[in-house]
Amino acid sequence: MNIKRLFMVLLILLAGCSADISDYRSEKPTFDLFGYFSGETRAWGMVQDYQNKQIRRFEVVIQGDVVGDTLTLHEKFVYNDGERQTRTWRITRNPDGTYQGTAGDIIGVAHGNTEGNAFNWRYDMEVNTDNGMVKLHFDDWLYRQDETHVFNQTSLRKFGLEVARVTLFFAKTPAQAQ
C-alpha cells in the first residue's frame, strides 16, 4: 500500500473514533439534562489549540427555563480578553428520549443522546478565527459528576481532524441542584 493510501485509511479511521453513549448506561448519577440546567448554572472553561496550548479562557452564566419538553438556555460568556458573547439554545426532548436543539450561531440542528451520567451533543457552528469564519463540527461530551458538578469535553473538528478542544466545568450551588 502506498503512503497516500495509508494516510487516507488512517484519516478515515481516526475521524470515526469516538466513545459510544451506551458505554455510560450504568454510570451514576443519572444525567437529567433538563433538571440539571433548570435555573442558574455557572461554568468556567478554556479553549486549547491542536497542540494543546491554552488559547482562551472564559466564564459563563447560564439561565435555564423548562416549559414542557423544551429547555431554553440563555448563556452569557465573558472571555479573558474582555470579549462578551451570548447564545440562546432551545432544546427539545423527543418522544424517543433523544434531544434536538437550535441556537442563532448553530448551523442546522444539534442532536443529542443521554445514557447514565453522560450526554453527547453534536452540531456544526461557524467560528470566528484569525483567518475569518470557519465551519467546525462540535462533539460535546458532558459527564454528571455529582448533584452539583458536570464536566464537559468538546472536540472541534475540521475535515475530520481535531483542530481545538474546549474543557468546561459546570457548578450549581447545592440549593440550586435537583
N, C-alpha and C. Protein backbone atom coordinates (compact mmCIF):
# COMPACT_ATOMS: atom_id res chain seq x y z
N MET A 1 0.86 -1.17 0.00
CA MET A 1 0.00 0.00 0.00
C MET A 1 0.91 1.23 0.00
N ASN A 2 0.60 2.17 -0.89
CA ASN A 2 1.43 3.37 -0.93
C ASN A 2 1.11 4.30 0.24
N ILE A 3 1.99 5.26 0.48
CA ILE A 3 1.87 6.17 1.63
C ILE A 3 0.58 6.97 1.57
N LYS A 4 0.19 7.42 0.39
CA LYS A 4 -1.03 8.23 0.26
C LYS A 4 -2.26 7.43 0.70
N ARG A 5 -2.36 6.20 0.26
CA ARG A 5 -3.50 5.36 0.64
C ARG A 5 -3.48 5.06 2.13
N LEU A 6 -2.30 4.77 2.67
CA LEU A 6 -2.18 4.50 4.10
C LEU A 6 -2.64 5.72 4.91
N PHE A 7 -2.22 6.90 4.50
CA PHE A 7 -2.64 8.12 5.17
C PHE A 7 -4.15 8.28 5.12
N MET A 8 -4.77 8.04 3.98
CA MET A 8 -6.23 8.18 3.84
C MET A 8 -6.96 7.17 4.74
N VAL A 9 -6.48 5.94 4.80
CA VAL A 9 -7.11 4.92 5.65
C VAL A 9 -7.01 5.35 7.12
N LEU A 10 -5.83 5.80 7.55
CA LEU A 10 -5.66 6.26 8.93
C LEU A 10 -6.55 7.45 9.24
N LEU A 11 -6.66 8.38 8.29
CA LEU A 11 -7.50 9.56 8.47
C LEU A 11 -8.96 9.16 8.67
N ILE A 12 -9.43 8.23 7.86
CA ILE A 12 -10.83 7.77 7.96
C ILE A 12 -11.05 7.07 9.30
N LEU A 13 -10.12 6.23 9.71
CA LEU A 13 -10.26 5.52 10.98
C LEU A 13 -10.25 6.49 12.17
N LEU A 14 -9.34 7.45 12.16
CA LEU A 14 -9.26 8.40 13.26
C LEU A 14 -10.46 9.33 13.30
N ALA A 15 -10.96 9.73 12.16
CA ALA A 15 -12.11 10.64 12.12
C ALA A 15 -13.36 9.98 12.70
N GLY A 16 -13.44 8.67 12.60
CA GLY A 16 -14.62 7.97 13.09
C GLY A 16 -14.54 7.55 14.55
N CYS A 17 -13.39 7.76 15.20
CA CYS A 17 -13.21 7.33 16.59
C CYS A 17 -13.92 8.24 17.55
N SER A 18 -14.78 7.67 18.36
CA SER A 18 -15.45 8.41 19.40
C SER A 18 -16.06 7.40 20.35
N ALA A 19 -16.20 7.79 21.60
CA ALA A 19 -16.87 6.92 22.57
C ALA A 19 -18.31 6.71 22.13
N ASP A 20 -18.91 5.67 22.61
CA ASP A 20 -20.32 5.39 22.33
C ASP A 20 -21.12 5.72 23.58
N ILE A 21 -22.23 6.41 23.41
CA ILE A 21 -23.05 6.84 24.55
C ILE A 21 -23.49 5.65 25.40
N SER A 22 -23.70 4.50 24.79
CA SER A 22 -24.15 3.32 25.55
C SER A 22 -23.09 2.83 26.53
N ASP A 23 -21.83 3.25 26.37
CA ASP A 23 -20.77 2.87 27.31
C ASP A 23 -21.07 3.39 28.72
N TYR A 24 -21.93 4.40 28.84
CA TYR A 24 -22.20 5.05 30.12
C TYR A 24 -23.54 4.67 30.74
N ARG A 25 -24.23 3.72 30.14
CA ARG A 25 -25.59 3.35 30.54
C ARG A 25 -25.72 3.08 32.04
N SER A 26 -24.75 2.41 32.64
CA SER A 26 -24.88 2.04 34.06
C SER A 26 -24.20 3.03 35.00
N GLU A 27 -23.66 4.13 34.48
CA GLU A 27 -22.97 5.10 35.33
C GLU A 27 -23.96 5.98 36.09
N LYS A 28 -23.60 6.31 37.31
CA LYS A 28 -24.43 7.15 38.18
C LYS A 28 -23.63 8.38 38.59
N PRO A 29 -24.23 9.48 38.94
CA PRO A 29 -25.68 9.71 38.94
C PRO A 29 -26.19 9.92 37.53
N THR A 30 -27.44 9.56 37.33
CA THR A 30 -28.07 9.73 36.03
C THR A 30 -28.12 11.21 35.66
N PHE A 31 -27.84 11.50 34.40
CA PHE A 31 -27.81 12.88 33.93
C PHE A 31 -29.19 13.26 33.39
N ASP A 32 -29.92 14.03 34.19
CA ASP A 32 -31.19 14.61 33.76
C ASP A 32 -30.86 16.00 33.23
N LEU A 33 -30.73 16.14 31.92
CA LEU A 33 -30.32 17.39 31.28
C LEU A 33 -31.21 18.55 31.69
N PHE A 34 -32.52 18.37 31.62
CA PHE A 34 -33.45 19.45 31.94
C PHE A 34 -33.39 19.79 33.43
N GLY A 35 -33.31 18.78 34.28
CA GLY A 35 -33.25 19.01 35.71
C GLY A 35 -31.98 19.75 36.12
N TYR A 36 -30.83 19.33 35.56
CA TYR A 36 -29.57 19.96 35.95
C TYR A 36 -29.50 21.42 35.50
N PHE A 37 -29.91 21.70 34.27
CA PHE A 37 -29.75 23.05 33.73
C PHE A 37 -30.93 23.97 34.00
N SER A 38 -31.94 23.51 34.73
CA SER A 38 -33.04 24.38 35.14
C SER A 38 -32.51 25.35 36.20
N GLY A 39 -32.80 26.65 36.04
CA GLY A 39 -32.29 27.65 36.97
C GLY A 39 -30.92 28.13 36.53
N GLU A 40 -30.16 28.68 37.49
CA GLU A 40 -28.85 29.24 37.15
C GLU A 40 -27.74 28.22 37.33
N THR A 41 -26.85 28.17 36.34
CA THR A 41 -25.66 27.34 36.37
C THR A 41 -24.49 28.22 35.99
N ARG A 42 -23.36 28.02 36.62
CA ARG A 42 -22.13 28.75 36.27
C ARG A 42 -21.11 27.77 35.74
N ALA A 43 -20.27 28.26 34.82
CA ALA A 43 -19.23 27.39 34.26
C ALA A 43 -17.96 28.19 33.99
N TRP A 44 -16.85 27.46 34.01
CA TRP A 44 -15.54 28.03 33.71
C TRP A 44 -14.90 27.11 32.69
N GLY A 45 -14.26 27.70 31.68
CA GLY A 45 -13.71 26.85 30.64
C GLY A 45 -12.48 27.43 29.98
N MET A 46 -11.92 26.60 29.10
CA MET A 46 -10.77 27.01 28.31
C MET A 46 -10.84 26.37 26.94
N VAL A 47 -10.17 27.03 25.99
CA VAL A 47 -10.03 26.51 24.63
C VAL A 47 -8.56 26.21 24.43
N GLN A 48 -8.27 25.02 23.89
CA GLN A 48 -6.90 24.65 23.57
C GLN A 48 -6.81 24.39 22.07
N ASP A 49 -5.68 24.77 21.47
CA ASP A 49 -5.49 24.51 20.04
C ASP A 49 -5.06 23.06 19.82
N TYR A 50 -4.77 22.71 18.58
CA TYR A 50 -4.44 21.33 18.22
C TYR A 50 -3.14 20.85 18.87
N GLN A 51 -2.33 21.78 19.40
CA GLN A 51 -1.09 21.41 20.10
C GLN A 51 -1.30 21.41 21.62
N ASN A 52 -2.54 21.51 22.05
CA ASN A 52 -2.93 21.55 23.47
C ASN A 52 -2.52 22.83 24.18
N LYS A 53 -2.18 23.87 23.44
CA LYS A 53 -1.85 25.16 24.04
C LYS A 53 -3.16 25.88 24.39
N GLN A 54 -3.25 26.35 25.62
CA GLN A 54 -4.43 27.11 26.03
C GLN A 54 -4.42 28.45 25.29
N ILE A 55 -5.51 28.71 24.53
CA ILE A 55 -5.57 29.96 23.76
C ILE A 55 -6.63 30.93 24.26
N ARG A 56 -7.59 30.44 25.04
CA ARG A 56 -8.61 31.33 25.62
C ARG A 56 -9.15 30.70 26.89
N ARG A 57 -9.62 31.59 27.78
CA ARG A 57 -10.32 31.17 28.99
C ARG A 57 -11.62 31.95 29.04
N PHE A 58 -12.61 31.40 29.73
CA PHE A 58 -13.88 32.11 29.82
C PHE A 58 -14.68 31.66 31.03
N GLU A 59 -15.64 32.50 31.37
CA GLU A 59 -16.67 32.17 32.37
C GLU A 59 -18.01 32.32 31.66
N VAL A 60 -18.98 31.54 32.10
CA VAL A 60 -20.31 31.62 31.51
C VAL A 60 -21.36 31.46 32.60
N VAL A 61 -22.38 32.30 32.54
CA VAL A 61 -23.54 32.18 33.41
C VAL A 61 -24.69 31.71 32.52
N ILE A 62 -25.36 30.66 32.95
CA ILE A 62 -26.43 30.05 32.16
C ILE A 62 -27.72 30.09 32.96
N GLN A 63 -28.77 30.61 32.34
CA GLN A 63 -30.09 30.60 32.95
C GLN A 63 -30.95 29.64 32.14
N GLY A 64 -31.44 28.58 32.79
CA GLY A 64 -32.23 27.58 32.09
C GLY A 64 -33.69 27.61 32.52
N ASP A 65 -34.57 27.58 31.53
CA ASP A 65 -36.00 27.57 31.77
C ASP A 65 -36.61 26.37 31.05
N VAL A 66 -37.40 25.59 31.78
CA VAL A 66 -38.05 24.41 31.22
C VAL A 66 -39.54 24.67 31.12
N VAL A 67 -40.07 24.47 29.91
CA VAL A 67 -41.51 24.54 29.67
C VAL A 67 -41.86 23.29 28.87
N GLY A 68 -42.56 22.35 29.51
CA GLY A 68 -42.91 21.10 28.84
C GLY A 68 -41.66 20.34 28.45
N ASP A 69 -41.57 20.01 27.16
CA ASP A 69 -40.42 19.26 26.65
C ASP A 69 -39.37 20.16 26.00
N THR A 70 -39.32 21.44 26.41
CA THR A 70 -38.34 22.37 25.85
C THR A 70 -37.55 23.03 26.98
N LEU A 71 -36.24 22.98 26.84
CA LEU A 71 -35.30 23.66 27.73
C LEU A 71 -34.71 24.83 26.96
N THR A 72 -34.83 26.03 27.50
CA THR A 72 -34.21 27.21 26.89
C THR A 72 -33.05 27.62 27.78
N LEU A 73 -31.85 27.69 27.19
CA LEU A 73 -30.65 28.09 27.91
C LEU A 73 -30.19 29.45 27.41
N HIS A 74 -30.10 30.41 28.30
CA HIS A 74 -29.57 31.74 27.99
C HIS A 74 -28.15 31.78 28.53
N GLU A 75 -27.17 31.79 27.63
CA GLU A 75 -25.77 31.73 28.02
C GLU A 75 -25.12 33.10 27.83
N LYS A 76 -24.37 33.54 28.85
CA LYS A 76 -23.62 34.80 28.78
C LYS A 76 -22.15 34.50 29.06
N PHE A 77 -21.32 34.65 28.03
CA PHE A 77 -19.89 34.35 28.11
C PHE A 77 -19.08 35.63 28.33
N VAL A 78 -18.04 35.54 29.14
CA VAL A 78 -17.04 36.60 29.28
C VAL A 78 -15.68 35.93 29.14
N TYR A 79 -14.92 36.36 28.12
CA TYR A 79 -13.61 35.78 27.84
C TYR A 79 -12.51 36.58 28.53
N ASN A 80 -11.35 35.95 28.70
CA ASN A 80 -10.23 36.58 29.39
C ASN A 80 -9.72 37.83 28.66
N ASP A 81 -10.02 37.97 27.37
CA ASP A 81 -9.60 39.17 26.63
C ASP A 81 -10.67 40.26 26.66
N GLY A 82 -11.75 40.03 27.42
CA GLY A 82 -12.81 41.03 27.56
C GLY A 82 -13.98 40.83 26.61
N GLU A 83 -13.84 39.97 25.61
CA GLU A 83 -14.95 39.74 24.67
C GLU A 83 -16.13 39.15 25.42
N ARG A 84 -17.33 39.56 25.01
CA ARG A 84 -18.58 39.04 25.58
C ARG A 84 -19.40 38.44 24.45
N GLN A 85 -20.04 37.33 24.73
CA GLN A 85 -20.92 36.66 23.77
C GLN A 85 -22.16 36.18 24.50
N THR A 86 -23.24 36.07 23.75
CA THR A 86 -24.45 35.44 24.28
C THR A 86 -24.91 34.39 23.28
N ARG A 87 -25.60 33.39 23.79
CA ARG A 87 -26.19 32.36 22.94
C ARG A 87 -27.45 31.89 23.65
N THR A 88 -28.48 31.65 22.89
CA THR A 88 -29.71 31.08 23.44
C THR A 88 -30.00 29.77 22.72
N TRP A 89 -29.96 28.70 23.48
CA TRP A 89 -30.31 27.37 22.97
C TRP A 89 -31.78 27.08 23.26
N ARG A 90 -32.43 26.42 22.32
CA ARG A 90 -33.76 25.86 22.54
C ARG A 90 -33.63 24.37 22.26
N ILE A 91 -33.74 23.59 23.33
CA ILE A 91 -33.50 22.15 23.27
C ILE A 91 -34.82 21.42 23.54
N THR A 92 -35.16 20.52 22.65
CA THR A 92 -36.40 19.76 22.75
C THR A 92 -36.08 18.30 23.05
N ARG A 93 -36.82 17.74 24.02
CA ARG A 93 -36.71 16.31 24.33
C ARG A 93 -37.71 15.60 23.43
N ASN A 94 -37.22 14.71 22.59
CA ASN A 94 -38.07 13.95 21.67
C ASN A 94 -38.72 12.77 22.38
N PRO A 95 -39.84 12.26 21.85
CA PRO A 95 -40.52 11.11 22.48
C PRO A 95 -39.61 9.89 22.65
N ASP A 96 -38.61 9.71 21.78
CA ASP A 96 -37.72 8.55 21.88
C ASP A 96 -36.57 8.77 22.87
N GLY A 97 -36.57 9.92 23.58
CA GLY A 97 -35.53 10.19 24.57
C GLY A 97 -34.32 10.90 24.04
N THR A 98 -34.25 11.15 22.73
CA THR A 98 -33.15 11.91 22.16
C THR A 98 -33.48 13.40 22.27
N TYR A 99 -32.52 14.24 21.91
CA TYR A 99 -32.69 15.68 22.00
C TYR A 99 -32.32 16.34 20.68
N GLN A 100 -32.98 17.47 20.41
CA GLN A 100 -32.66 18.32 19.26
C GLN A 100 -32.59 19.75 19.77
N GLY A 101 -31.69 20.54 19.17
CA GLY A 101 -31.59 21.90 19.62
C GLY A 101 -31.16 22.85 18.53
N THR A 102 -31.50 24.12 18.73
CA THR A 102 -31.10 25.17 17.81
C THR A 102 -30.60 26.36 18.62
N ALA A 103 -29.75 27.14 17.98
CA ALA A 103 -29.26 28.41 18.53
C ALA A 103 -28.89 29.27 17.34
N GLY A 104 -28.82 30.58 17.55
CA GLY A 104 -28.59 31.51 16.45
C GLY A 104 -27.33 31.27 15.65
N ASP A 105 -26.25 30.83 16.28
CA ASP A 105 -25.00 30.65 15.56
C ASP A 105 -24.71 29.18 15.22
N ILE A 106 -25.67 28.32 15.45
CA ILE A 106 -25.53 26.90 15.13
C ILE A 106 -26.07 26.67 13.72
N ILE A 107 -25.33 25.88 12.94
CA ILE A 107 -25.76 25.56 11.58
C ILE A 107 -26.67 24.34 11.65
N GLY A 108 -27.91 24.50 11.23
CA GLY A 108 -28.85 23.39 11.25
C GLY A 108 -29.32 23.08 12.65
N VAL A 109 -29.43 21.77 12.95
CA VAL A 109 -29.98 21.29 14.21
C VAL A 109 -28.93 20.45 14.93
N ALA A 110 -28.79 20.68 16.23
CA ALA A 110 -27.91 19.86 17.07
C ALA A 110 -28.68 18.61 17.48
N HIS A 111 -27.96 17.51 17.65
CA HIS A 111 -28.57 16.24 18.04
C HIS A 111 -27.86 15.70 19.26
N GLY A 112 -28.64 15.19 20.24
CA GLY A 112 -28.05 14.68 21.46
C GLY A 112 -28.71 13.42 21.97
N ASN A 113 -27.93 12.69 22.77
CA ASN A 113 -28.39 11.47 23.43
C ASN A 113 -27.83 11.45 24.84
N THR A 114 -28.55 10.82 25.73
CA THR A 114 -28.06 10.66 27.10
C THR A 114 -28.19 9.21 27.52
N GLU A 115 -27.21 8.76 28.29
CA GLU A 115 -27.22 7.43 28.91
C GLU A 115 -26.47 7.56 30.21
N GLY A 116 -27.03 7.02 31.28
CA GLY A 116 -26.35 7.06 32.57
C GLY A 116 -25.98 8.47 32.95
N ASN A 117 -24.69 8.70 33.23
CA ASN A 117 -24.23 10.02 33.66
C ASN A 117 -23.73 10.89 32.51
N ALA A 118 -23.91 10.45 31.27
CA ALA A 118 -23.32 11.15 30.12
C ALA A 118 -24.38 11.71 29.17
N PHE A 119 -24.00 12.81 28.54
CA PHE A 119 -24.80 13.42 27.48
C PHE A 119 -23.87 13.76 26.33
N ASN A 120 -24.19 13.32 25.12
CA ASN A 120 -23.40 13.61 23.93
C ASN A 120 -24.23 14.49 23.01
N TRP A 121 -23.63 15.61 22.59
CA TRP A 121 -24.30 16.67 21.83
C TRP A 121 -23.43 16.98 20.64
N ARG A 122 -23.98 16.89 19.41
CA ARG A 122 -23.19 17.13 18.19
C ARG A 122 -23.87 18.16 17.31
N TYR A 123 -23.04 19.08 16.79
CA TYR A 123 -23.57 20.16 15.95
C TYR A 123 -22.44 20.83 15.20
N ASP A 124 -22.82 21.66 14.23
CA ASP A 124 -21.86 22.45 13.45
C ASP A 124 -22.08 23.92 13.77
N MET A 125 -20.96 24.67 13.78
CA MET A 125 -21.02 26.09 14.08
C MET A 125 -19.96 26.82 13.27
N GLU A 126 -20.30 28.03 12.85
CA GLU A 126 -19.29 28.90 12.24
C GLU A 126 -18.60 29.65 13.36
N VAL A 127 -17.28 29.54 13.39
CA VAL A 127 -16.47 30.13 14.45
C VAL A 127 -15.57 31.19 13.85
N ASN A 128 -15.49 32.34 14.50
CA ASN A 128 -14.64 33.42 14.05
C ASN A 128 -13.20 33.13 14.49
N THR A 129 -12.27 33.07 13.54
CA THR A 129 -10.86 32.82 13.83
C THR A 129 -10.02 33.95 13.25
N ASP A 130 -8.72 33.88 13.49
CA ASP A 130 -7.81 34.87 12.92
C ASP A 130 -7.86 34.87 11.39
N ASN A 131 -8.27 33.74 10.81
CA ASN A 131 -8.35 33.60 9.35
C ASN A 131 -9.76 33.76 8.81
N GLY A 132 -10.65 34.34 9.60
CA GLY A 132 -12.04 34.53 9.16
C GLY A 132 -12.95 33.46 9.75
N MET A 133 -14.16 33.37 9.21
CA MET A 133 -15.14 32.41 9.70
C MET A 133 -14.82 31.01 9.18
N VAL A 134 -14.91 30.03 10.08
CA VAL A 134 -14.62 28.64 9.75
C VAL A 134 -15.74 27.77 10.31
N LYS A 135 -16.24 26.86 9.49
CA LYS A 135 -17.27 25.92 9.94
C LYS A 135 -16.58 24.75 10.62
N LEU A 136 -16.96 24.50 11.90
CA LEU A 136 -16.38 23.41 12.67
C LEU A 136 -17.49 22.49 13.18
N HIS A 137 -17.13 21.22 13.32
CA HIS A 137 -18.04 20.24 13.91
C HIS A 137 -17.69 20.11 15.39
N PHE A 138 -18.69 20.23 16.27
CA PHE A 138 -18.52 20.11 17.71
C PHE A 138 -19.05 18.76 18.17
N ASP A 139 -18.26 18.04 18.94
CA ASP A 139 -18.65 16.78 19.55
C ASP A 139 -18.50 16.96 21.06
N ASP A 140 -19.61 17.35 21.72
CA ASP A 140 -19.65 17.65 23.15
C ASP A 140 -19.94 16.39 23.96
N TRP A 141 -19.17 16.18 25.02
CA TRP A 141 -19.44 15.11 25.97
C TRP A 141 -19.53 15.72 27.35
N LEU A 142 -20.70 15.65 27.96
CA LEU A 142 -20.92 16.15 29.31
C LEU A 142 -21.08 14.96 30.25
N TYR A 143 -20.45 15.05 31.43
CA TYR A 143 -20.48 13.96 32.40
C TYR A 143 -20.92 14.49 33.76
N ARG A 144 -22.00 13.94 34.27
CA ARG A 144 -22.51 14.34 35.59
C ARG A 144 -21.59 13.71 36.64
N GLN A 145 -20.96 14.55 37.44
CA GLN A 145 -20.05 14.08 38.49
C GLN A 145 -20.81 13.77 39.78
N ASP A 146 -21.68 14.71 40.17
CA ASP A 146 -22.46 14.56 41.39
C ASP A 146 -23.65 15.50 41.27
N GLU A 147 -24.30 15.81 42.36
CA GLU A 147 -25.51 16.64 42.31
C GLU A 147 -25.23 18.06 41.82
N THR A 148 -24.02 18.56 42.00
CA THR A 148 -23.76 19.97 41.69
C THR A 148 -22.75 20.20 40.57
N HIS A 149 -22.05 19.16 40.09
CA HIS A 149 -20.96 19.35 39.12
C HIS A 149 -21.12 18.51 37.86
N VAL A 150 -20.76 19.14 36.73
CA VAL A 150 -20.72 18.47 35.43
C VAL A 150 -19.41 18.86 34.75
N PHE A 151 -18.76 17.88 34.15
CA PHE A 151 -17.56 18.12 33.35
C PHE A 151 -17.94 18.04 31.88
N ASN A 152 -17.25 18.83 31.05
CA ASN A 152 -17.54 18.85 29.61
C ASN A 152 -16.23 18.87 28.82
N GLN A 153 -16.12 17.96 27.86
CA GLN A 153 -15.01 17.95 26.91
C GLN A 153 -15.62 18.04 25.53
N THR A 154 -15.12 18.98 24.72
CA THR A 154 -15.64 19.15 23.37
C THR A 154 -14.51 19.08 22.38
N SER A 155 -14.67 18.25 21.38
CA SER A 155 -13.71 18.17 20.28
C SER A 155 -14.24 19.01 19.13
N LEU A 156 -13.43 19.94 18.63
CA LEU A 156 -13.78 20.77 17.47
C LEU A 156 -13.01 20.22 16.29
N ARG A 157 -13.74 19.86 15.24
CA ARG A 157 -13.11 19.19 14.09
C ARG A 157 -13.39 19.91 12.78
N LYS A 158 -12.40 19.83 11.91
CA LYS A 158 -12.50 20.34 10.54
C LYS A 158 -11.97 19.23 9.64
N PHE A 159 -12.75 18.82 8.65
CA PHE A 159 -12.39 17.72 7.76
C PHE A 159 -12.04 16.45 8.55
N GLY A 160 -12.72 16.24 9.70
CA GLY A 160 -12.50 15.05 10.49
C GLY A 160 -11.31 15.11 11.43
N LEU A 161 -10.52 16.16 11.37
CA LEU A 161 -9.34 16.29 12.22
C LEU A 161 -9.61 17.26 13.36
N GLU A 162 -9.18 16.90 14.56
CA GLU A 162 -9.36 17.79 15.69
C GLU A 162 -8.44 19.00 15.56
N VAL A 163 -9.05 20.21 15.60
CA VAL A 163 -8.28 21.45 15.49
C VAL A 163 -8.26 22.22 16.81
N ALA A 164 -9.15 21.86 17.73
CA ALA A 164 -9.19 22.51 19.03
C ALA A 164 -10.00 21.64 19.98
N ARG A 165 -9.88 21.98 21.27
CA ARG A 165 -10.62 21.27 22.31
C ARG A 165 -11.08 22.31 23.33
N VAL A 166 -12.32 22.14 23.81
CA VAL A 166 -12.87 23.00 24.85
C VAL A 166 -13.11 22.13 26.08
N THR A 167 -12.71 22.64 27.23
CA THR A 167 -12.96 21.96 28.50
C THR A 167 -13.76 22.91 29.37
N LEU A 168 -14.84 22.41 29.95
CA LEU A 168 -15.70 23.21 30.83
C LEU A 168 -15.95 22.47 32.14
N PHE A 169 -16.15 23.25 33.17
CA PHE A 169 -16.53 22.73 34.49
C PHE A 169 -17.77 23.51 34.91
N PHE A 170 -18.90 22.82 35.06
CA PHE A 170 -20.17 23.43 35.47
C PHE A 170 -20.39 23.22 36.96
N ALA A 171 -20.98 24.22 37.60
CA ALA A 171 -21.30 24.09 39.03
C ALA A 171 -22.61 24.78 39.36
N LYS A 172 -23.34 24.19 40.27
CA LYS A 172 -24.55 24.77 40.84
C LYS A 172 -24.34 24.80 42.35
N THR A 173 -24.95 25.75 43.02
CA THR A 173 -24.90 25.71 44.48
C THR A 173 -25.79 24.54 44.90
N PRO A 174 -25.54 23.91 46.05
CA PRO A 174 -26.38 22.79 46.47
C PRO A 174 -27.87 23.13 46.50
N ALA A 175 -28.22 24.37 46.83
CA ALA A 175 -29.63 24.78 46.86
C ALA A 175 -30.24 24.77 45.46
N GLN A 176 -29.42 24.97 44.42
CA GLN A 176 -29.91 25.00 43.05
C GLN A 176 -30.02 23.61 42.44
N ALA A 177 -29.25 22.65 42.96
CA ALA A 177 -29.20 21.31 42.38
C ALA A 177 -30.53 20.59 42.56
N GLN A 178 -30.86 19.80 41.56
CA GLN A 178 -32.09 19.00 41.63
C GLN A 178 -31.75 17.54 41.53
